[in-house]
Amino acid sequence: MRNSEINSTIPKESTDTVPSNSRRMKILDASEAAAILRMDSRTLICWARLGHIPAHPLGEGKRRLWRFIEEEILDWFEQRTQVQKRPPARSIDSAIGARARRSA
């Protein structure tokens, strides 16, 4: 068979079935995900073991490989930053009073 015959027998992918705005799922290892979050990869793996961050283990036992999906990591980070924000103190006296209550 010639190359042209082989190419003609292979069905071409239809672009009609795939939306143009869809993104491919990007799977990251611990060092890549840690670089996105600007943290140490060992801390990220520890958080994955504890279930603090969305992660997917590969293998069984203590020495698992962890993989992270970029979109899940970014969504988790956005949700986390929204929860962590505190409203500003109404006045300086209330801010000082809150600090005094915490240190007492």
PDB file of N, CA and C in Angstrom:
ATOM      1  N   MET A   1       0.824  -1.189   0.000  1.00  0.00           N
ATOM      2  CA  MET A   1       0.000   0.000   0.000  1.00  0.00           C
ATOM      3  C   MET A   1       0.867   1.251   0.000  1.00  0.00           C
ATOM      4  N   ARG A   2       0.397   2.247  -0.650  1.00  0.00           N
ATOM      5  CA  ARG A   2       1.097   3.520  -0.663  1.00  0.00           C
ATOM      6  C   ARG A   2       0.628   4.385   0.502  1.00  0.00           C
ATOM      7  N   ASN A   3       1.434   5.415   0.770  1.00  0.00           N
ATOM      8  CA  ASN A   3       1.060   6.348   1.834  1.00  0.00           C
ATOM      9  C   ASN A   3      -0.280   7.020   1.567  1.00  0.00           C
ATOM     10  N   SER A   4      -0.530   7.397   0.332  1.00  0.00           N
ATOM     11  CA  SER A   4      -1.793   8.065   0.014  1.00  0.00           C
ATOM     12  C   SER A   4      -2.976   7.132   0.236  1.00  0.00           C
ATOM     13  N   GLU A   5      -2.785   5.823  -0.025  1.00  0.00           N
ATOM     14  CA  GLU A   5      -3.854   4.860   0.202  1.00  0.00           C
ATOM     15  C   GLU A   5      -4.092   4.657   1.692  1.00  0.00           C
ATOM     16  N   ILE A   6      -3.022   4.630   2.482  1.00  0.00           N
ATOM     17  CA  ILE A   6      -3.151   4.471   3.926  1.00  0.00           C
ATOM     18  C   ILE A   6      -3.851   5.675   4.520  1.00  0.00           C
ATOM     19  N   ASN A   7      -3.444   6.870   4.119  1.00  0.00           N
ATOM     20  CA  ASN A   7      -4.055   8.080   4.651  1.00  0.00           C
ATOM     21  C   ASN A   7      -5.527   8.186   4.288  1.00  0.00           C
ATOM     22  N   SER A   8      -5.898   7.681   3.127  1.00  0.00           N
ATOM     23  CA  SER A   8      -7.301   7.777   2.734  1.00  0.00           C
ATOM     24  C   SER A   8      -8.173   6.785   3.484  1.00  0.00           C
ATOM     25  N   THR A   9      -7.586   5.687   3.996  1.00  0.00           N
ATOM     26  CA  THR A   9      -8.374   4.703   4.736  1.00  0.00           C
ATOM     27  C   THR A   9      -8.543   5.073   6.199  1.00  0.00           C
ATOM     28  N   ILE A  10      -7.714   5.963   6.719  1.00  0.00           N
ATOM     29  CA  ILE A  10      -7.818   6.394   8.113  1.00  0.00           C
ATOM     30  C   ILE A  10      -8.899   7.469   8.194  1.00  0.00           C
ATOM     31  N   PRO A  11      -9.916   7.258   9.035  1.00  0.00           N
ATOM     32  CA  PRO A  11     -10.968   8.276   9.137  1.00  0.00           C
ATOM     33  C   PRO A  11     -10.428   9.545   9.780  1.00  0.00           C
ATOM     34  N   LYS A  12     -10.813  10.660   9.218  1.00  0.00           N
ATOM     35  CA  LYS A  12     -10.382  11.937   9.768  1.00  0.00           C
ATOM     36  C   LYS A  12     -11.293  12.316  10.919  1.00  0.00           C
ATOM     37  N   GLU A  13     -10.705  12.956  11.943  1.00  0.00           N
ATOM     38  CA  GLU A  13     -11.487  13.371  13.103  1.00  0.00           C
ATOM     39  C   GLU A  13     -12.409  14.512  12.721  1.00  0.00           C
ATOM     40  N   SER A  14     -13.618  14.416  13.201  1.00  0.00           N
ATOM     41  CA  SER A  14     -14.590  15.463  12.916  1.00  0.00           C
ATOM     42  C   SER A  14     -14.473  16.547  13.968  1.00  0.00           C
ATOM     43  N   THR A  15     -14.395  17.783  13.529  1.00  0.00           N
ATOM     44  CA  THR A  15     -14.321  18.896  14.472  1.00  0.00           C
ATOM     45  C   THR A  15     -15.705  19.353  14.900  1.00  0.00           C
ATOM     46  N   ASP A  16     -16.758  18.790  14.291  1.00  0.00           N
ATOM     47  CA  ASP A  16     -18.118  19.171  14.647  1.00  0.00           C
ATOM     48  C   ASP A  16     -18.512  18.661  16.022  1.00  0.00           C
ATOM     49  N   THR A  17     -17.952  17.528  16.457  1.00  0.00           N
ATOM     50  CA  THR A  17     -18.349  16.935  17.724  1.00  0.00           C
ATOM     51  C   THR A  17     -17.627  17.547  18.912  1.00  0.00           C
ATOM     52  N   VAL A  18     -16.525  18.230  18.698  1.00  0.00           N
ATOM     53  CA  VAL A  18     -15.749  18.811  19.790  1.00  0.00           C
ATOM     54  C   VAL A  18     -15.996  20.310  19.825  1.00  0.00           C
ATOM     55  N   PRO A  19     -16.542  20.824  20.944  1.00  0.00           N
ATOM     56  CA  PRO A  19     -16.750  22.274  21.017  1.00  0.00           C
ATOM     57  C   PRO A  19     -15.425  23.017  20.956  1.00  0.00           C
ATOM     58  N   SER A  20     -15.435  24.175  20.357  1.00  0.00           N
ATOM     59  CA  SER A  20     -14.194  24.924  20.179  1.00  0.00           C
ATOM     60  C   SER A  20     -13.661  25.484  21.494  1.00  0.00           C
ATOM     61  N   ASN A  21     -14.532  25.676  22.494  1.00  0.00           N
ATOM     62  CA  ASN A  21     -14.075  26.254  23.756  1.00  0.00           C
ATOM     63  C   ASN A  21     -13.671  25.199  24.781  1.00  0.00           C
ATOM     64  N   SER A  22     -13.704  23.910  24.425  1.00  0.00           N
ATOM     65  CA  SER A  22     -13.324  22.874  25.379  1.00  0.00           C
ATOM     66  C   SER A  22     -11.803  22.838  25.534  1.00  0.00           C
ATOM     67  N   ARG A  23     -11.374  22.559  26.754  1.00  0.00           N
ATOM     68  CA  ARG A  23      -9.940  22.468  27.026  1.00  0.00           C
ATOM     69  C   ARG A  23      -9.585  21.019  27.302  1.00  0.00           C
ATOM     70  N   ARG A  24      -8.360  20.666  26.965  1.00  0.00           N
ATOM     71  CA  ARG A  24      -7.892  19.329  27.287  1.00  0.00           C
ATOM     72  C   ARG A  24      -7.529  19.278  28.757  1.00  0.00           C
ATOM     73  N   MET A  25      -7.774  18.141  29.367  1.00  0.00           N
ATOM     74  CA  MET A  25      -7.456  17.965  30.771  1.00  0.00           C
ATOM     75  C   MET A  25      -5.948  17.818  30.899  1.00  0.00           C
ATOM     76  N   LYS A  26      -5.330  18.697  31.681  1.00  0.00           N
ATOM     77  CA  LYS A  26      -3.883  18.663  31.855  1.00  0.00           C
ATOM     78  C   LYS A  26      -3.569  17.997  33.189  1.00  0.00           C
ATOM     79  N   ILE A  27      -2.858  16.871  33.131  1.00  0.00           N
ATOM     80  CA  ILE A  27      -2.494  16.120  34.325  1.00  0.00           C
ATOM     81  C   ILE A  27      -1.077  16.495  34.711  1.00  0.00           C
ATOM     82  N   LEU A  28      -0.909  16.850  35.979  1.00  0.00           N
ATOM     83  CA  LEU A  28       0.379  17.327  36.481  1.00  0.00           C
ATOM     84  C   LEU A  28       0.935  16.381  37.529  1.00  0.00           C
ATOM     85  N   ASP A  29       2.253  16.312  37.627  1.00  0.00           N
ATOM     86  CA  ASP A  29       2.845  15.599  38.755  1.00  0.00           C
ATOM     87  C   ASP A  29       2.997  16.586  39.914  1.00  0.00           C
ATOM     88  N   ALA A  30       3.531  16.116  41.020  1.00  0.00           N
ATOM     89  CA  ALA A  30       3.591  16.943  42.231  1.00  0.00           C
ATOM     90  C   ALA A  30       4.453  18.191  42.050  1.00  0.00           C
ATOM     91  N   SER A  31       5.566  18.068  41.363  1.00  0.00           N
ATOM     92  CA  SER A  31       6.443  19.227  41.206  1.00  0.00           C
ATOM     93  C   SER A  31       5.812  20.289  40.305  1.00  0.00           C
ATOM     94  N   GLU A  32       5.091  19.863  39.252  1.00  0.00           N
ATOM     95  CA  GLU A  32       4.434  20.825  38.370  1.00  0.00           C
ATOM     96  C   GLU A  32       3.282  21.533  39.082  1.00  0.00           C
ATOM     97  N   ALA A  33       2.482  20.758  39.832  1.00  0.00           N
ATOM     98  CA  ALA A  33       1.373  21.352  40.570  1.00  0.00           C
ATOM     99  C   ALA A  33       1.880  22.290  41.666  1.00  0.00           C
ATOM    100  N   ALA A  34       2.964  21.910  42.319  1.00  0.00           N
ATOM    101  CA  ALA A  34       3.544  22.751  43.359  1.00  0.00           C
ATOM    102  C   ALA A  34       4.075  24.054  42.766  1.00  0.00           C
ATOM    103  N   ALA A  35       4.606  23.995  41.576  1.00  0.00           N
ATOM    104  CA  ALA A  35       5.097  25.213  40.923  1.00  0.00           C
ATOM    105  C   ALA A  35       3.945  26.168  40.615  1.00  0.00           C
ATOM    106  N   ILE A  36       2.801  25.628  40.220  1.00  0.00           N
ATOM    107  CA  ILE A  36       1.640  26.476  39.951  1.00  0.00           C
ATOM    108  C   ILE A  36       1.171  27.155  41.235  1.00  0.00           C
ATOM    109  N   LEU A  37       1.155  26.404  42.332  1.00  0.00           N
ATOM    110  CA  LEU A  37       0.683  26.935  43.613  1.00  0.00           C
ATOM    111  C   LEU A  37       1.778  27.670  44.388  1.00  0.00           C
ATOM    112  N   ARG A  38       2.996  27.634  43.869  1.00  0.00           N
ATOM    113  CA  ARG A  38       4.156  28.265  44.512  1.00  0.00           C
ATOM    114  C   ARG A  38       4.353  27.755  45.942  1.00  0.00           C
ATOM    115  N   MET A  39       4.463  26.438  46.028  1.00  0.00           N
ATOM    116  CA  MET A  39       4.721  25.802  47.318  1.00  0.00           C
ATOM    117  C   MET A  39       5.648  24.616  47.096  1.00  0.00           C
ATOM    118  N   ASP A  40       6.118  24.032  48.165  1.00  0.00           N
ATOM    119  CA  ASP A  40       7.028  22.902  48.086  1.00  0.00           C
ATOM    120  C   ASP A  40       6.257  21.644  47.703  1.00  0.00           C
ATOM    121  N   SER A  41       6.846  20.819  46.867  1.00  0.00           N
ATOM    122  CA  SER A  41       6.162  19.611  46.402  1.00  0.00           C
ATOM    123  C   SER A  41       5.919  18.624  47.546  1.00  0.00           C
ATOM    124  N   ARG A  42       6.800  18.581  48.534  1.00  0.00           N
ATOM    125  CA  ARG A  42       6.596  17.676  49.672  1.00  0.00           C
ATOM    126  C   ARG A  42       5.384  18.085  50.497  1.00  0.00           C
ATOM    127  N   THR A  43       5.174  19.392  50.647  1.00  0.00           N
ATOM    128  CA  THR A  43       3.989  19.884  51.358  1.00  0.00           C
ATOM    129  C   THR A  43       2.732  19.532  50.572  1.00  0.00           C
ATOM    130  N   LEU A  44       2.789  19.676  49.262  1.00  0.00           N
ATOM    131  CA  LEU A  44       1.648  19.354  48.411  1.00  0.00           C
ATOM    132  C   LEU A  44       1.290  17.871  48.520  1.00  0.00           C
ATOM    133  N   ILE A  45       2.282  17.000  48.521  1.00  0.00           N
ATOM    134  CA  ILE A  45       2.024  15.566  48.657  1.00  0.00           C
ATOM    135  C   ILE A  45       1.437  15.251  50.027  1.00  0.00           C
ATOM    136  N   CYS A  46       1.928  15.910  51.044  1.00  0.00           N
ATOM    137  CA  CYS A  46       1.385  15.726  52.394  1.00  0.00           C
ATOM    138  C   CYS A  46      -0.087  16.138  52.433  1.00  0.00           C
ATOM    139  N   TRP A  47      -0.416  17.269  51.837  1.00  0.00           N
ATOM    140  CA  TRP A  47      -1.798  17.729  51.771  1.00  0.00           C
ATOM    141  C   TRP A  47      -2.660  16.745  50.980  1.00  0.00           C
ATOM    142  N   ALA A  48      -2.087  16.166  49.926  1.00  0.00           N
ATOM    143  CA  ALA A  48      -2.824  15.180  49.127  1.00  0.00           C
ATOM    144  C   ALA A  48      -3.136  13.944  49.968  1.00  0.00           C
ATOM    145  N   ARG A  49      -2.164  13.479  50.741  1.00  0.00           N
ATOM    146  CA  ARG A  49      -2.394  12.315  51.609  1.00  0.00           C
ATOM    147  C   ARG A  49      -3.478  12.588  52.630  1.00  0.00           C
ATOM    148  N   LEU A  50      -3.513  13.819  53.160  1.00  0.00           N
ATOM    149  CA  LEU A  50      -4.497  14.194  54.173  1.00  0.00           C
ATOM    150  C   LEU A  50      -5.854  14.547  53.578  1.00  0.00           C
ATOM    151  N   GLY A  51      -5.919  14.691  52.264  1.00  0.00           N
ATOM    152  CA  GLY A  51      -7.177  15.015  51.611  1.00  0.00           C
ATOM    153  C   GLY A  51      -7.513  16.488  51.593  1.00  0.00           C
ATOM    154  N   HIS A  52      -6.527  17.350  51.834  1.00  0.00           N
ATOM    155  CA  HIS A  52      -6.765  18.796  51.844  1.00  0.00           C
ATOM    156  C   HIS A  52      -6.870  19.386  50.449  1.00  0.00           C
ATOM    157  N   ILE A  53      -6.340  18.701  49.457  1.00  0.00           N
ATOM    158  CA  ILE A  53      -6.276  19.225  48.098  1.00  0.00           C
ATOM    159  C   ILE A  53      -6.742  18.122  47.136  1.00  0.00           C
ATOM    160  N   PRO A  54      -7.441  18.466  46.057  1.00  0.00           N
ATOM    161  CA  PRO A  54      -7.872  17.413  45.133  1.00  0.00           C
ATOM    162  C   PRO A  54      -6.672  16.757  44.443  1.00  0.00           C
ATOM    163  N   ALA A  55      -6.565  15.442  44.610  1.00  0.00           N
ATOM    164  CA  ALA A  55      -5.433  14.697  44.055  1.00  0.00           C
ATOM    165  C   ALA A  55      -5.880  13.292  43.711  1.00  0.00           C
ATOM    166  N   HIS A  56      -5.118  12.644  42.866  1.00  0.00           N
ATOM    167  CA  HIS A  56      -5.454  11.301  42.405  1.00  0.00           C
ATOM    168  C   HIS A  56      -4.242  10.393  42.608  1.00  0.00           C
ATOM    169  N   PRO A  57      -4.348   9.414  43.538  1.00  0.00           N
ATOM    170  CA  PRO A  57      -3.211   8.521  43.782  1.00  0.00           C
ATOM    171  C   PRO A  57      -3.103   7.433  42.725  1.00  0.00           C
ATOM    172  N   LEU A  58      -1.886   7.103  42.396  1.00  0.00           N
ATOM    173  CA  LEU A  58      -1.612   5.983  41.490  1.00  0.00           C
ATOM    174  C   LEU A  58      -0.832   4.955  42.283  1.00  0.00           C
ATOM    175  N   GLY A  59      -1.305   3.732  42.283  1.00  0.00           N
ATOM    176  CA  GLY A  59      -0.641   2.683  43.027  1.00  0.00           C
ATOM    177  C   GLY A  59      -1.204   2.559  44.431  1.00  0.00           C
ATOM    178  N   GLU A  60      -0.671   1.586  45.151  1.00  0.00           N
ATOM    179  CA  GLU A  60      -1.122   1.344  46.511  1.00  0.00           C
ATOM    180  C   GLU A  60       0.063   1.361  47.458  1.00  0.00           C
ATOM    181  N   GLY A  61      -0.228   1.462  48.730  1.00  0.00           N
ATOM    182  CA  GLY A  61       0.825   1.459  49.720  1.00  0.00           C
ATOM    183  C   GLY A  61       1.313   2.848  50.043  1.00  0.00           C
ATOM    184  N   LYS A  62       2.427   2.901  50.744  1.00  0.00           N
ATOM    185  CA  LYS A  62       2.948   4.178  51.222  1.00  0.00           C
ATOM    186  C   LYS A  62       3.554   5.014  50.093  1.00  0.00           C
ATOM    187  N   ARG A  63       4.175   4.378  49.126  1.00  0.00           N
ATOM    188  CA  ARG A  63       4.885   5.116  48.075  1.00  0.00           C
ATOM    189  C   ARG A  63       4.026   5.300  46.829  1.00  0.00           C
ATOM    190  N   ARG A  64       2.905   5.974  47.012  1.00  0.00           N
ATOM    191  CA  ARG A  64       2.016   6.253  45.887  1.00  0.00           C
ATOM    192  C   ARG A  64       2.560   7.390  45.044  1.00  0.00           C
ATOM    193  N   LEU A  65       2.209   7.355  43.792  1.00  0.00           N
ATOM    194  CA  LEU A  65       2.466   8.497  42.919  1.00  0.00           C
ATOM    195  C   LEU A  65       1.200   9.336  42.919  1.00  0.00           C
ATOM    196  N   TRP A  66       1.333  10.626  43.030  1.00  0.00           N
ATOM    197  CA  TRP A  66       0.182  11.515  43.053  1.00  0.00           C
ATOM    198  C   TRP A  66       0.145  12.316  41.772  1.00  0.00           C
ATOM    199  N   ARG A  67      -1.038  12.426  41.203  1.00  0.00           N
ATOM    200  CA  ARG A  67      -1.257  13.249  40.019  1.00  0.00           C
ATOM    201  C   ARG A  67      -2.349  14.255  40.329  1.00  0.00           C
ATOM    202  N   PHE A  68      -2.241  15.398  39.719  1.00  0.00           N
ATOM    203  CA  PHE A  68      -3.152  16.508  39.966  1.00  0.00           C
ATOM    204  C   PHE A  68      -3.689  17.008  38.631  1.00  0.00           C
ATOM    205  N   ILE A  69      -4.968  17.333  38.593  1.00  0.00           N
ATOM    206  CA  ILE A  69      -5.568  17.892  37.389  1.00  0.00           C
ATOM    207  C   ILE A  69      -5.561  19.405  37.541  1.00  0.00           C
ATOM    208  N   GLU A  70      -4.991  20.075  36.549  1.00  0.00           N
ATOM    209  CA  GLU A  70      -4.757  21.517  36.647  1.00  0.00           C
ATOM    210  C   GLU A  70      -6.041  22.286  36.932  1.00  0.00           C
ATOM    211  N   GLU A  71      -7.116  21.958  36.257  1.00  0.00           N
ATOM    212  CA  GLU A  71      -8.377  22.691  36.448  1.00  0.00           C
ATOM    213  C   GLU A  71      -8.905  22.510  37.872  1.00  0.00           C
ATOM    214  N   GLU A  72      -8.796  21.282  38.433  1.00  0.00           N
ATOM    215  CA  GLU A  72      -9.234  21.044  39.808  1.00  0.00           C
ATOM    216  C   GLU A  72      -8.403  21.846  40.802  1.00  0.00           C
ATOM    217  N   ILE A  73      -7.106  21.906  40.568  1.00  0.00           N
ATOM    218  CA  ILE A  73      -6.211  22.659  41.461  1.00  0.00           C
ATOM    219  C   ILE A  73      -6.573  24.148  41.437  1.00  0.00           C
ATOM    220  N   LEU A  74      -6.777  24.695  40.253  1.00  0.00           N
ATOM    221  CA  LEU A  74      -7.091  26.119  40.144  1.00  0.00           C
ATOM    222  C   LEU A  74      -8.454  26.434  40.741  1.00  0.00           C
ATOM    223  N   ASP A  75      -9.446  25.553  40.538  1.00  0.00           N
ATOM    224  CA  ASP A  75     -10.764  25.754  41.149  1.00  0.00           C
ATOM    225  C   ASP A  75     -10.670  25.699  42.667  1.00  0.00           C
ATOM    226  N   TRP A  76      -9.912  24.730  43.184  1.00  0.00           N
ATOM    227  CA  TRP A  76      -9.726  24.603  44.635  1.00  0.00           C
ATOM    228  C   TRP A  76      -9.069  25.856  45.196  1.00  0.00           C
ATOM    229  N   PHE A  77      -8.073  26.366  44.496  1.00  0.00           N
ATOM    230  CA  PHE A  77      -7.364  27.553  44.962  1.00  0.00           C
ATOM    231  C   PHE A  77      -8.287  28.769  44.993  1.00  0.00           C
ATOM    232  N   GLU A  78      -9.113  28.937  43.954  1.00  0.00           N
ATOM    233  CA  GLU A  78     -10.041  30.064  43.925  1.00  0.00           C
ATOM    234  C   GLU A  78     -11.053  29.976  45.057  1.00  0.00           C
ATOM    235  N   GLN A  79     -11.585  28.784  45.320  1.00  0.00           N
ATOM    236  CA  GLN A  79     -12.532  28.607  46.421  1.00  0.00           C
ATOM    237  C   GLN A  79     -11.869  28.880  47.761  1.00  0.00           C
ATOM    238  N   ARG A  80     -10.647  28.453  47.897  1.00  0.00           N
ATOM    239  CA  ARG A  80      -9.926  28.634  49.159  1.00  0.00           C
ATOM    240  C   ARG A  80      -9.647  30.104  49.427  1.00  0.00           C
ATOM    241  N   THR A  81      -9.279  30.864  48.405  1.00  0.00           N
ATOM    242  CA  THR A  81      -8.987  32.279  48.615  1.00  0.00           C
ATOM    243  C   THR A  81     -10.250  33.058  48.935  1.00  0.00           C
ATOM    244  N   GLN A  82     -11.393  32.631  48.411  1.00  0.00           N
ATOM    245  CA  GLN A  82     -12.645  33.310  48.725  1.00  0.00           C
ATOM    246  C   GLN A  82     -13.055  33.059  50.166  1.00  0.00           C
ATOM    247  N   VAL A  83     -12.813  31.864  50.676  1.00  0.00           N
ATOM    248  CA  VAL A  83     -13.197  31.527  52.037  1.00  0.00           C
ATOM    249  C   VAL A  83     -12.284  32.218  53.045  1.00  0.00           C
ATOM    250  N   GLN A  84     -11.013  32.358  52.752  1.00  0.00           N
ATOM    251  CA  GLN A  84     -10.045  32.873  53.702  1.00  0.00           C
ATOM    252  C   GLN A  84     -10.134  34.376  53.937  1.00  0.00           C
ATOM    253  N   LYS A  85     -10.779  35.108  53.043  1.00  0.00           N
ATOM    254  CA  LYS A  85     -10.823  36.557  53.191  1.00  0.00           C
ATOM    255  C   LYS A  85     -11.719  36.953  54.354  1.00  0.00           C
ATOM    256  N   ARG A  86     -11.245  37.860  55.182  1.00  0.00           N
ATOM    257  CA  ARG A  86     -12.021  38.367  56.305  1.00  0.00           C
ATOM    258  C   ARG A  86     -12.513  39.768  55.972  1.00  0.00           C
ATOM    259  N   PRO A  87     -13.680  40.120  56.471  1.00  0.00           N
ATOM    260  CA  PRO A  87     -14.123  41.497  56.251  1.00  0.00           C
ATOM    261  C   PRO A  87     -13.242  42.452  57.059  1.00  0.00           C
ATOM    262  N   PRO A  88     -13.035  43.655  56.576  1.00  0.00           N
ATOM    263  CA  PRO A  88     -12.200  44.600  57.321  1.00  0.00           C
ATOM    264  C   PRO A  88     -12.870  45.015  58.626  1.00  0.00           C
ATOM    265  N   ALA A  89     -12.058  45.366  59.590  1.00  0.00           N
ATOM    266  CA  ALA A  89     -12.578  45.822  60.876  1.00  0.00           C
ATOM    267  C   ALA A  89     -13.314  47.137  60.683  1.00  0.00           C
ATOM    268  N   ARG A  90     -14.394  47.320  61.449  1.00  0.00           N
ATOM    269  CA  ARG A  90     -15.190  48.545  61.311  1.00  0.00           C
ATOM    270  C   ARG A  90     -14.439  49.757  61.846  1.00  0.00           C
ATOM    271  N   SER A  91     -13.654  49.522  62.847  1.00  0.00           N
ATOM    272  CA  SER A  91     -12.877  50.634  63.410  1.00  0.00           C
ATOM    273  C   SER A  91     -11.588  50.077  63.997  1.00  0.00           C
ATOM    274  N   ILE A  92     -10.692  50.951  64.294  1.00  0.00           N
ATOM    275  CA  ILE A  92      -9.418  50.529  64.881  1.00  0.00           C
ATOM    276  C   ILE A  92      -9.627  49.956  66.281  1.00  0.00           C
ATOM    277  N   ASP A  93     -10.614  50.475  67.018  1.00  0.00           N
ATOM    278  CA  ASP A  93     -10.881  49.962  68.362  1.00  0.00           C
ATOM    279  C   ASP A  93     -11.354  48.513  68.327  1.00  0.00           C
ATOM    280  N   SER A  94     -12.213  48.183  67.350  1.00  0.00           N
ATOM    281  CA  SER A  94     -12.674  46.794  67.268  1.00  0.00           C
ATOM    282  C   SER A  94     -11.534  45.867  66.867  1.00  0.00           C
ATOM    283  N   ALA A  95     -10.619  46.332  66.013  1.00  0.00           N
ATOM    284  CA  ALA A  95      -9.473  45.522  65.609  1.00  0.00           C
ATOM    285  C   ALA A  95      -8.545  45.283  66.790  1.00  0.00           C
ATOM    286  N   ILE A  96      -8.290  46.317  67.580  1.00  0.00           N
ATOM    287  CA  ILE A  96      -7.433  46.167  68.758  1.00  0.00           C
ATOM    288  C   ILE A  96      -8.100  45.254  69.782  1.00  0.00           C
ATOM    289  N   GLY A  97      -9.409  45.416  69.964  1.00  0.00           N
ATOM    290  CA  GLY A  97     -10.139  44.573  70.910  1.00  0.00           C
ATOM    291  C   GLY A  97     -10.121  43.109  70.496  1.00  0.00           C
ATOM    292  N   ALA A  98     -10.231  42.823  69.211  1.00  0.00           N
ATOM    293  CA  ALA A  98     -10.187  41.449  68.727  1.00  0.00           C
ATOM    294  C   ALA A  98      -8.823  40.835  68.982  1.00  0.00           C
ATOM    295  N   ARG A  99      -7.774  41.593  68.766  1.00  0.00           N
ATOM    296  CA  ARG A  99      -6.424  41.091  69.012  1.00  0.00           C
ATOM    297  C   ARG A  99      -6.214  40.820  70.502  1.00  0.00           C
ATOM    298  N   ALA A 100      -6.740  41.703  71.340  1.00  0.00           N
ATOM    299  CA  ALA A 100      -6.589  41.516  72.782  1.00  0.00           C
ATOM    300  C   ALA A 100      -7.335  40.254  73.235  1.00  0.00           C
ATOM    301  N   ARG A 101      -8.497  39.983  72.665  1.00  0.00           N
ATOM    302  CA  ARG A 101      -9.254  38.785  73.029  1.00  0.00           C
ATOM    303  C   ARG A 101      -8.520  37.522  72.608  1.00  0.00           C
ATOM    304  N   ARG A 102      -7.849  37.548  71.450  1.00  0.00           N
ATOM    305  CA  ARG A 102      -7.117  36.375  70.992  1.00  0.00           C
ATOM    306  C   ARG A 102      -5.880  36.104  71.838  1.00  0.00           C
ATOM    307  N   SER A 103      -5.209  37.145  72.285  1.00  0.00           N
ATOM    308  CA  SER A 103      -3.968  36.946  73.032  1.00  0.00           C
ATOM    309  C   SER A 103      -4.221  36.665  74.513  1.00  0.00           C
ATOM    310  N   ALA A 104      -5.400  36.868  74.988  1.00  0.00           N
ATOM    311  CA  ALA A 104      -5.703  36.670  76.414  1.00  0.00           C
ATOM    312  C   ALA A 104      -5.913  35.225  76.746  1.00  0.00           C
TER     313      ALA A 104
END
